[in-house]
């Protein structure tokens, strides 16, 4: 499988880091994420989103916190995470951030309405793919979500937005 190109940058000057990340833009689709002093730039031929985070010890980012589950996790996330003991709240957060960017409407993306890419079976949801970013510094975790090169755009966007709003579901 062909995957997006990922570039890891490091710079102690946040302005220089962002300037360097922006300079990597090509004619491809580009997504950037920052966790100072690091940045990751994803380049791809189709829709792509990338997110990196530095997990911190914060009770609000706990899979056991009912507020986190209500605001961030969909019912599909809650049922699927039982089989994936290595998935953390930070993985769910980061993979959903990457999916929000890939969707083209990151501000309209409501996390609790979408199945977390880190929980997709075999990292796939229809034509979409999700991969944990390998090779990051130990203090970071991150995900890239991208549209397979052979997928049709309209059906792909429908697949990413397939989970109905809570008021449309019978299980809420």
N, C-alpha and C. Protein backbone atom coordinates (compact mmCIF):
# COMPACT_ATOMS: atom_id res chain seq x y z
N UNK A 1 0.85 -1.18 0.00
CA UNK A 1 0.00 0.00 0.00
C UNK A 1 0.89 1.24 0.00
N UNK A 2 0.57 2.18 -0.84
CA UNK A 2 1.26 3.46 -0.88
C UNK A 2 0.67 4.35 0.20
N UNK A 3 1.52 5.08 0.89
CA UNK A 3 1.08 5.93 2.00
C UNK A 3 1.61 7.35 1.82
N UNK A 4 1.02 8.32 2.52
CA UNK A 4 1.50 9.69 2.41
C UNK A 4 2.95 9.83 2.84
N UNK A 5 3.60 10.82 2.30
CA UNK A 5 4.95 11.17 2.71
C UNK A 5 4.84 11.97 4.01
N UNK A 6 5.62 11.56 5.02
CA UNK A 6 5.61 12.24 6.32
C UNK A 6 7.01 12.79 6.60
N UNK A 7 7.08 14.06 6.98
CA UNK A 7 8.34 14.68 7.30
C UNK A 7 8.28 15.20 8.73
N UNK A 8 9.24 14.77 9.55
CA UNK A 8 9.34 15.23 10.94
C UNK A 8 10.37 16.35 10.99
N UNK A 9 9.98 17.47 11.57
CA UNK A 9 10.88 18.61 11.76
C UNK A 9 11.05 18.88 13.24
N UNK A 10 12.19 19.46 13.58
CA UNK A 10 12.44 19.87 14.96
C UNK A 10 13.13 21.23 14.93
N UNK A 11 12.65 22.16 15.76
CA UNK A 11 13.24 23.49 15.84
C UNK A 11 12.78 24.12 17.14
N UNK A 12 13.70 24.62 17.93
CA UNK A 12 13.34 25.23 19.21
C UNK A 12 12.67 26.59 19.06
N UNK A 13 12.74 27.18 17.88
CA UNK A 13 12.07 28.45 17.61
C UNK A 13 10.73 28.15 16.94
N UNK A 14 9.61 28.38 17.65
CA UNK A 14 8.29 28.02 17.08
C UNK A 14 7.99 28.72 15.75
N UNK A 15 8.43 29.96 15.59
CA UNK A 15 8.17 30.67 14.33
C UNK A 15 8.96 30.05 13.17
N UNK A 16 10.20 29.70 13.44
CA UNK A 16 11.03 29.05 12.43
C UNK A 16 10.46 27.67 12.09
N UNK A 17 10.00 26.95 13.11
CA UNK A 17 9.41 25.62 12.89
C UNK A 17 8.22 25.72 11.94
N UNK A 18 7.33 26.66 12.18
CA UNK A 18 6.15 26.81 11.33
C UNK A 18 6.52 27.28 9.92
N UNK A 19 7.47 28.17 9.83
CA UNK A 19 7.93 28.64 8.52
C UNK A 19 8.53 27.47 7.73
N UNK A 20 9.34 26.65 8.37
CA UNK A 20 9.93 25.49 7.70
C UNK A 20 8.86 24.49 7.28
N UNK A 21 7.87 24.26 8.13
CA UNK A 21 6.79 23.32 7.80
C UNK A 21 5.99 23.84 6.60
N UNK A 22 5.67 25.13 6.59
CA UNK A 22 4.92 25.69 5.46
C UNK A 22 5.72 25.63 4.17
N UNK A 23 7.05 25.70 4.26
CA UNK A 23 7.88 25.69 3.05
C UNK A 23 7.89 24.32 2.37
N UNK A 24 7.45 23.29 3.05
CA UNK A 24 7.42 21.95 2.47
C UNK A 24 6.21 21.71 1.57
N UNK A 25 5.33 22.69 1.47
CA UNK A 25 4.13 22.54 0.64
C UNK A 25 4.53 22.29 -0.81
N UNK A 26 3.84 21.35 -1.42
CA UNK A 26 4.05 21.03 -2.83
C UNK A 26 2.71 21.16 -3.53
N UNK A 27 2.64 20.64 -4.73
CA UNK A 27 1.34 20.66 -5.43
C UNK A 27 0.39 19.60 -4.87
N UNK A 28 0.91 18.69 -4.04
CA UNK A 28 0.08 17.68 -3.40
C UNK A 28 -0.76 18.31 -2.29
N UNK A 29 -1.64 17.52 -1.72
CA UNK A 29 -2.41 17.94 -0.56
C UNK A 29 -1.50 17.84 0.66
N UNK A 30 -1.52 18.86 1.51
CA UNK A 30 -0.61 18.91 2.66
C UNK A 30 -1.41 19.14 3.94
N UNK A 31 -0.98 18.46 5.00
CA UNK A 31 -1.54 18.68 6.33
C UNK A 31 -0.35 18.80 7.28
N UNK A 32 -0.49 19.69 8.27
CA UNK A 32 0.59 19.92 9.23
C UNK A 32 0.05 19.81 10.64
N UNK A 33 0.94 19.39 11.54
CA UNK A 33 0.60 19.36 12.97
C UNK A 33 1.85 19.71 13.76
N UNK A 34 1.62 20.36 14.91
CA UNK A 34 2.73 20.85 15.72
C UNK A 34 2.59 20.41 17.17
N UNK A 35 3.69 20.02 17.76
CA UNK A 35 3.82 19.78 19.20
C UNK A 35 5.24 20.26 19.51
N UNK A 36 5.36 21.58 19.71
CA UNK A 36 6.68 22.21 19.85
C UNK A 36 7.59 21.42 20.76
N UNK A 37 8.82 21.21 20.35
CA UNK A 37 9.54 21.77 19.20
C UNK A 37 9.47 20.92 17.94
N UNK A 38 8.42 20.12 17.79
CA UNK A 38 8.30 19.23 16.63
C UNK A 38 7.13 19.61 15.74
N UNK A 39 7.26 19.23 14.47
CA UNK A 39 6.17 19.35 13.51
C UNK A 39 6.22 18.12 12.61
N UNK A 40 5.05 17.71 12.13
CA UNK A 40 4.97 16.67 11.11
C UNK A 40 4.18 17.25 9.95
N UNK A 41 4.71 17.04 8.75
CA UNK A 41 4.05 17.49 7.53
C UNK A 41 3.73 16.24 6.71
N UNK A 42 2.46 16.09 6.36
CA UNK A 42 2.01 14.97 5.52
C UNK A 42 1.68 15.50 4.14
N UNK A 43 2.22 14.86 3.11
CA UNK A 43 1.93 15.22 1.72
C UNK A 43 1.34 13.99 1.03
N UNK A 44 0.29 14.24 0.25
CA UNK A 44 -0.41 13.13 -0.39
C UNK A 44 -1.09 13.65 -1.64
N UNK A 45 -1.52 12.74 -2.48
CA UNK A 45 -2.18 13.12 -3.72
C UNK A 45 -3.68 13.37 -3.53
N UNK A 46 -4.21 12.97 -2.40
CA UNK A 46 -5.65 13.09 -2.10
C UNK A 46 -5.81 13.70 -0.72
N UNK A 47 -7.02 13.67 -0.18
CA UNK A 47 -7.28 14.21 1.13
C UNK A 47 -6.41 13.51 2.18
N UNK A 48 -5.84 14.31 3.08
CA UNK A 48 -4.96 13.79 4.12
C UNK A 48 -5.07 14.69 5.35
N UNK A 49 -4.95 14.08 6.51
CA UNK A 49 -4.89 14.83 7.76
C UNK A 49 -3.87 14.18 8.67
N UNK A 50 -3.13 14.98 9.41
CA UNK A 50 -2.12 14.47 10.33
C UNK A 50 -2.27 15.20 11.66
N UNK A 51 -1.97 14.48 12.73
CA UNK A 51 -1.99 15.11 14.06
C UNK A 51 -0.95 14.42 14.93
N UNK A 52 -0.20 15.24 15.68
CA UNK A 52 0.71 14.73 16.69
C UNK A 52 0.38 15.41 18.01
N UNK A 53 0.56 14.69 19.09
CA UNK A 53 0.33 15.24 20.43
C UNK A 53 1.41 14.74 21.37
N UNK A 54 1.62 15.51 22.41
CA UNK A 54 2.49 15.11 23.51
C UNK A 54 1.57 14.76 24.67
N UNK A 55 1.29 13.48 24.88
CA UNK A 55 0.39 13.11 25.97
C UNK A 55 0.91 13.61 27.32
N UNK A 56 -0.01 14.15 28.09
CA UNK A 56 0.32 14.61 29.44
C UNK A 56 -0.60 13.90 30.41
N UNK A 57 -0.20 13.90 31.65
CA UNK A 57 -1.02 13.27 32.69
C UNK A 57 -2.16 14.23 33.02
N UNK A 58 -3.33 13.96 32.46
CA UNK A 58 -4.48 14.85 32.62
C UNK A 58 -5.72 13.96 32.75
N UNK A 59 -6.38 14.04 33.88
CA UNK A 59 -7.56 13.19 34.13
C UNK A 59 -8.67 13.40 33.10
N UNK A 60 -8.69 14.56 32.43
CA UNK A 60 -9.73 14.82 31.43
C UNK A 60 -9.52 13.99 30.17
N UNK A 61 -8.31 13.47 29.98
CA UNK A 61 -8.02 12.62 28.82
C UNK A 61 -7.87 11.18 29.28
N UNK A 62 -8.95 10.68 29.81
CA UNK A 62 -8.99 9.31 30.31
C UNK A 62 -10.17 8.59 29.69
N UNK A 63 -9.94 7.36 29.26
CA UNK A 63 -11.04 6.56 28.72
C UNK A 63 -12.08 6.25 29.78
N UNK A 64 -11.70 6.41 31.06
CA UNK A 64 -12.64 6.16 32.15
C UNK A 64 -13.44 7.39 32.54
N UNK A 65 -13.08 8.56 32.00
CA UNK A 65 -13.77 9.80 32.34
C UNK A 65 -15.07 9.89 31.54
N UNK A 66 -16.22 9.95 32.22
CA UNK A 66 -17.50 10.00 31.49
C UNK A 66 -17.63 11.23 30.59
N UNK A 67 -17.03 12.36 30.98
CA UNK A 67 -17.09 13.56 30.13
C UNK A 67 -16.30 13.36 28.84
N UNK A 68 -15.12 12.74 28.95
CA UNK A 68 -14.33 12.45 27.75
C UNK A 68 -15.13 11.54 26.81
N UNK A 69 -15.71 10.49 27.36
CA UNK A 69 -16.48 9.57 26.53
C UNK A 69 -17.67 10.28 25.87
N UNK A 70 -18.34 11.15 26.61
CA UNK A 70 -19.52 11.83 26.06
C UNK A 70 -19.15 12.85 24.97
N UNK A 71 -18.04 13.56 25.16
CA UNK A 71 -17.66 14.62 24.23
C UNK A 71 -16.84 14.13 23.04
N UNK A 72 -16.06 13.09 23.23
CA UNK A 72 -15.10 12.68 22.21
C UNK A 72 -15.43 11.33 21.58
N UNK A 73 -15.94 10.40 22.36
CA UNK A 73 -16.11 9.03 21.85
C UNK A 73 -17.52 8.76 21.35
N UNK A 74 -17.58 8.11 20.19
CA UNK A 74 -18.88 7.68 19.65
C UNK A 74 -19.24 6.34 20.30
N UNK A 75 -20.48 5.91 20.20
CA UNK A 75 -20.85 4.58 20.70
C UNK A 75 -20.01 3.48 20.05
N UNK A 76 -19.65 3.68 18.77
CA UNK A 76 -18.80 2.71 18.06
C UNK A 76 -17.42 2.64 18.71
N UNK A 77 -16.90 3.80 19.14
CA UNK A 77 -15.60 3.82 19.82
C UNK A 77 -15.69 3.04 21.13
N UNK A 78 -16.74 3.28 21.88
CA UNK A 78 -16.88 2.62 23.19
C UNK A 78 -16.95 1.10 23.04
N UNK A 79 -17.66 0.62 22.03
CA UNK A 79 -17.75 -0.83 21.87
C UNK A 79 -16.48 -1.42 21.25
N UNK A 80 -15.81 -0.70 20.37
CA UNK A 80 -14.61 -1.24 19.70
C UNK A 80 -13.37 -1.19 20.57
N UNK A 81 -13.28 -0.27 21.50
CA UNK A 81 -12.04 -0.13 22.26
C UNK A 81 -11.78 -1.30 23.19
N UNK A 82 -12.80 -2.07 23.53
CA UNK A 82 -12.60 -3.23 24.40
C UNK A 82 -11.64 -4.25 23.82
N UNK A 83 -11.60 -4.35 22.50
CA UNK A 83 -10.72 -5.32 21.84
C UNK A 83 -9.33 -4.73 21.55
N UNK A 84 -9.13 -3.47 21.86
CA UNK A 84 -7.85 -2.81 21.57
C UNK A 84 -7.28 -2.19 22.84
N UNK A 85 -6.67 -3.01 23.66
CA UNK A 85 -6.19 -2.54 24.96
C UNK A 85 -5.02 -1.56 24.86
N UNK A 86 -4.36 -1.49 23.70
CA UNK A 86 -3.23 -0.58 23.56
C UNK A 86 -3.64 0.82 23.12
N UNK A 87 -4.91 1.02 22.82
CA UNK A 87 -5.39 2.34 22.39
C UNK A 87 -5.64 3.22 23.61
N UNK A 88 -5.06 4.41 23.57
CA UNK A 88 -5.22 5.36 24.67
C UNK A 88 -6.21 6.46 24.27
N UNK A 89 -6.60 7.24 25.25
CA UNK A 89 -7.44 8.41 24.98
C UNK A 89 -6.72 9.36 24.02
N UNK A 90 -5.41 9.46 24.15
CA UNK A 90 -4.63 10.33 23.26
C UNK A 90 -4.65 9.81 21.83
N UNK A 91 -4.66 8.48 21.65
CA UNK A 91 -4.77 7.91 20.30
C UNK A 91 -6.12 8.27 19.69
N UNK A 92 -7.17 8.13 20.49
CA UNK A 92 -8.51 8.48 20.00
C UNK A 92 -8.56 9.94 19.61
N UNK A 93 -8.06 10.80 20.48
CA UNK A 93 -8.05 12.25 20.22
C UNK A 93 -7.25 12.56 18.95
N UNK A 94 -6.01 12.08 18.88
CA UNK A 94 -5.13 12.41 17.76
C UNK A 94 -5.67 11.87 16.44
N UNK A 95 -6.18 10.65 16.44
CA UNK A 95 -6.69 10.10 15.18
C UNK A 95 -7.94 10.84 14.71
N UNK A 96 -8.75 11.30 15.65
CA UNK A 96 -9.93 12.09 15.26
C UNK A 96 -9.54 13.47 14.77
N UNK A 97 -8.49 14.06 15.35
CA UNK A 97 -7.98 15.34 14.85
C UNK A 97 -7.49 15.19 13.41
N UNK A 98 -6.77 14.10 13.15
CA UNK A 98 -6.28 13.85 11.79
C UNK A 98 -7.46 13.66 10.82
N UNK A 99 -8.48 12.92 11.25
CA UNK A 99 -9.66 12.70 10.40
C UNK A 99 -10.41 14.01 10.15
N UNK A 100 -10.48 14.86 11.17
CA UNK A 100 -11.15 16.15 11.00
C UNK A 100 -10.46 16.97 9.92
N UNK A 101 -9.13 16.98 9.94
CA UNK A 101 -8.38 17.71 8.91
C UNK A 101 -8.60 17.08 7.54
N UNK A 102 -8.57 15.76 7.46
CA UNK A 102 -8.75 15.06 6.18
C UNK A 102 -10.15 15.29 5.62
N UNK A 103 -11.13 15.50 6.49
CA UNK A 103 -12.51 15.69 6.04
C UNK A 103 -12.70 16.98 5.26
N UNK A 104 -11.78 17.93 5.43
CA UNK A 104 -11.91 19.21 4.76
C UNK A 104 -12.75 20.21 5.53
N UNK A 105 -13.32 19.79 6.66
CA UNK A 105 -14.15 20.66 7.49
C UNK A 105 -13.80 20.44 8.96
N UNK A 106 -12.55 20.75 9.36
CA UNK A 106 -12.14 20.42 10.73
C UNK A 106 -12.95 21.12 11.81
N UNK A 107 -13.47 22.31 11.54
CA UNK A 107 -14.25 23.01 12.56
C UNK A 107 -15.68 22.47 12.65
N UNK A 108 -16.14 21.80 11.61
CA UNK A 108 -17.47 21.22 11.62
C UNK A 108 -17.50 19.76 12.05
N UNK A 109 -16.33 19.20 12.30
CA UNK A 109 -16.20 17.79 12.67
C UNK A 109 -16.50 17.64 14.16
N UNK A 110 -17.52 16.88 14.50
CA UNK A 110 -17.90 16.66 15.89
C UNK A 110 -17.39 15.27 16.29
N UNK A 111 -16.36 15.20 17.15
CA UNK A 111 -15.71 13.92 17.45
C UNK A 111 -16.65 12.80 17.88
N UNK A 112 -17.63 13.09 18.70
CA UNK A 112 -18.52 12.05 19.22
C UNK A 112 -19.44 11.49 18.15
N UNK A 113 -19.45 12.09 16.97
CA UNK A 113 -20.30 11.62 15.88
C UNK A 113 -19.54 10.74 14.88
N UNK A 114 -18.27 10.45 15.17
CA UNK A 114 -17.45 9.71 14.22
C UNK A 114 -16.68 8.59 14.90
N UNK A 115 -16.56 7.49 14.19
CA UNK A 115 -15.81 6.33 14.64
C UNK A 115 -14.32 6.68 14.57
N UNK A 116 -13.62 6.49 15.67
CA UNK A 116 -12.21 6.89 15.75
C UNK A 116 -11.34 6.07 14.79
N UNK A 117 -10.55 6.75 13.96
CA UNK A 117 -9.68 6.02 13.03
C UNK A 117 -8.72 5.04 13.70
N UNK A 118 -8.29 5.32 14.92
CA UNK A 118 -7.37 4.38 15.58
C UNK A 118 -8.06 3.07 15.93
N UNK A 119 -9.38 3.02 15.82
CA UNK A 119 -10.14 1.81 16.11
C UNK A 119 -10.71 1.14 14.86
N UNK A 120 -10.50 1.74 13.69
CA UNK A 120 -11.00 1.13 12.47
C UNK A 120 -10.37 -0.25 12.30
N UNK A 121 -11.16 -1.25 11.94
CA UNK A 121 -10.59 -2.59 11.71
C UNK A 121 -9.51 -2.54 10.62
N UNK A 122 -8.34 -3.01 10.96
CA UNK A 122 -7.19 -3.01 10.05
C UNK A 122 -6.86 -1.62 9.52
N UNK A 123 -7.23 -0.57 10.27
CA UNK A 123 -6.92 0.80 9.86
C UNK A 123 -7.67 1.26 8.63
N UNK A 124 -8.86 0.67 8.39
CA UNK A 124 -9.63 1.01 7.18
C UNK A 124 -11.09 1.32 7.51
N UNK A 125 -11.61 2.29 6.80
CA UNK A 125 -13.05 2.59 6.81
C UNK A 125 -13.42 2.94 5.38
N UNK A 126 -13.97 1.98 4.67
CA UNK A 126 -14.24 2.20 3.24
C UNK A 126 -12.94 2.56 2.54
N UNK A 127 -12.92 3.68 1.81
CA UNK A 127 -11.72 4.06 1.08
C UNK A 127 -10.68 4.81 1.93
N UNK A 128 -10.98 5.01 3.21
CA UNK A 128 -10.08 5.75 4.10
C UNK A 128 -9.12 4.81 4.80
N UNK A 129 -7.92 5.32 5.11
CA UNK A 129 -6.89 4.58 5.82
C UNK A 129 -6.42 5.41 7.00
N UNK A 130 -6.02 4.73 8.06
CA UNK A 130 -5.47 5.40 9.24
C UNK A 130 -4.24 4.63 9.69
N UNK A 131 -3.17 5.36 9.97
CA UNK A 131 -1.93 4.74 10.43
C UNK A 131 -1.36 5.53 11.60
N UNK A 132 -0.89 4.79 12.61
CA UNK A 132 -0.12 5.42 13.68
C UNK A 132 1.21 5.83 13.05
N UNK A 133 1.68 7.03 13.37
CA UNK A 133 2.94 7.51 12.82
C UNK A 133 4.10 6.86 13.56
N UNK A 134 4.91 6.14 12.81
CA UNK A 134 6.09 5.48 13.37
C UNK A 134 7.26 6.45 13.36
N UNK A 135 8.21 6.23 14.26
CA UNK A 135 9.43 7.01 14.25
C UNK A 135 9.36 8.36 14.93
N UNK A 136 8.28 8.62 15.65
CA UNK A 136 8.19 9.88 16.38
C UNK A 136 9.05 9.80 17.64
N UNK A 137 9.48 10.94 18.16
CA UNK A 137 10.16 10.92 19.45
C UNK A 137 9.26 10.25 20.50
N UNK A 138 9.86 9.60 21.49
CA UNK A 138 9.11 8.82 22.48
C UNK A 138 8.00 9.60 23.17
N UNK A 139 8.17 10.90 23.33
CA UNK A 139 7.17 11.68 24.07
C UNK A 139 5.95 12.05 23.23
N UNK A 140 5.94 11.67 21.95
CA UNK A 140 4.83 12.02 21.07
C UNK A 140 4.07 10.79 20.60
N UNK A 141 2.82 11.00 20.25
CA UNK A 141 2.05 10.00 19.52
C UNK A 141 1.35 10.75 18.39
N UNK A 142 1.03 10.06 17.33
CA UNK A 142 0.39 10.75 16.21
C UNK A 142 -0.22 9.79 15.22
N UNK A 143 -1.12 10.34 14.42
CA UNK A 143 -1.86 9.56 13.43
C UNK A 143 -1.96 10.33 12.13
N UNK A 144 -2.03 9.58 11.03
CA UNK A 144 -2.30 10.14 9.72
C UNK A 144 -3.52 9.42 9.17
N UNK A 145 -4.46 10.17 8.62
CA UNK A 145 -5.68 9.64 8.01
C UNK A 145 -5.69 10.13 6.58
N UNK A 146 -5.92 9.21 5.64
CA UNK A 146 -5.83 9.61 4.24
C UNK A 146 -6.78 8.80 3.38
N UNK A 147 -7.12 9.39 2.26
CA UNK A 147 -7.98 8.76 1.27
C UNK A 147 -7.12 7.93 0.34
N UNK A 148 -7.49 6.68 0.16
CA UNK A 148 -6.78 5.79 -0.75
C UNK A 148 -6.75 6.42 -2.15
N UNK A 149 -5.66 6.25 -2.85
CA UNK A 149 -5.50 6.88 -4.16
C UNK A 149 -6.54 6.45 -5.18
N UNK A 150 -7.09 5.26 -5.04
CA UNK A 150 -8.02 4.76 -6.06
C UNK A 150 -9.49 5.06 -5.73
N UNK A 151 -9.76 5.66 -4.59
CA UNK A 151 -11.14 5.90 -4.18
C UNK A 151 -11.75 7.09 -4.90
N UNK A 152 -13.06 7.02 -5.08
CA UNK A 152 -13.80 8.16 -5.61
C UNK A 152 -14.08 9.16 -4.50
N UNK A 153 -13.97 10.44 -4.78
CA UNK A 153 -14.08 11.46 -3.75
C UNK A 153 -15.46 11.53 -3.11
N UNK A 154 -16.53 11.53 -3.88
CA UNK A 154 -17.86 11.70 -3.27
C UNK A 154 -18.22 10.53 -2.36
N UNK A 155 -17.94 9.30 -2.79
CA UNK A 155 -18.26 8.15 -1.93
C UNK A 155 -17.34 8.12 -0.72
N UNK A 156 -16.11 8.59 -0.87
CA UNK A 156 -15.17 8.60 0.25
C UNK A 156 -15.61 9.58 1.33
N UNK A 157 -16.04 10.76 0.94
CA UNK A 157 -16.49 11.74 1.92
C UNK A 157 -17.74 11.22 2.64
N UNK A 158 -18.60 10.55 1.92
CA UNK A 158 -19.78 9.97 2.55
C UNK A 158 -19.38 8.92 3.57
N UNK A 159 -18.37 8.11 3.27
CA UNK A 159 -17.92 7.08 4.21
C UNK A 159 -17.35 7.69 5.48
N UNK A 160 -16.58 8.77 5.35
CA UNK A 160 -15.99 9.41 6.52
C UNK A 160 -17.04 10.05 7.40
N UNK A 161 -18.12 10.51 6.79
CA UNK A 161 -19.18 11.18 7.55
C UNK A 161 -20.36 10.26 7.80
N UNK A 162 -20.16 8.95 7.70
CA UNK A 162 -21.26 7.98 7.72
C UNK A 162 -21.98 7.85 9.05
N UNK A 163 -21.34 8.17 10.15
CA UNK A 163 -22.01 8.01 11.43
C UNK A 163 -23.01 9.14 11.60
N UNK A 164 -24.29 8.80 11.82
CA UNK A 164 -25.31 9.84 11.92
C UNK A 164 -25.16 10.66 13.21
N UNK A 165 -25.78 11.80 13.18
CA UNK A 165 -25.79 12.65 14.37
C UNK A 165 -26.52 11.94 15.49
N UNK A 166 -26.14 12.22 16.76
CA UNK A 166 -26.75 11.50 17.88
C UNK A 166 -28.27 11.54 17.89
N UNK A 167 -28.88 12.67 17.54
CA UNK A 167 -30.34 12.74 17.60
C UNK A 167 -31.02 11.89 16.52
N UNK A 168 -30.23 11.41 15.53
CA UNK A 168 -30.77 10.55 14.49
C UNK A 168 -30.61 9.07 14.80
N UNK A 169 -29.96 8.75 15.91
CA UNK A 169 -29.65 7.36 16.22
C UNK A 169 -30.62 6.82 17.25
N UNK A 170 -30.89 5.51 17.15
CA UNK A 170 -31.78 4.86 18.10
C UNK A 170 -31.08 4.47 19.39
N UNK A 171 -29.72 4.37 19.35
CA UNK A 171 -29.00 3.86 20.52
C UNK A 171 -28.59 4.95 21.51
N UNK A 172 -28.98 6.19 21.28
CA UNK A 172 -28.57 7.28 22.18
C UNK A 172 -29.75 7.71 23.02
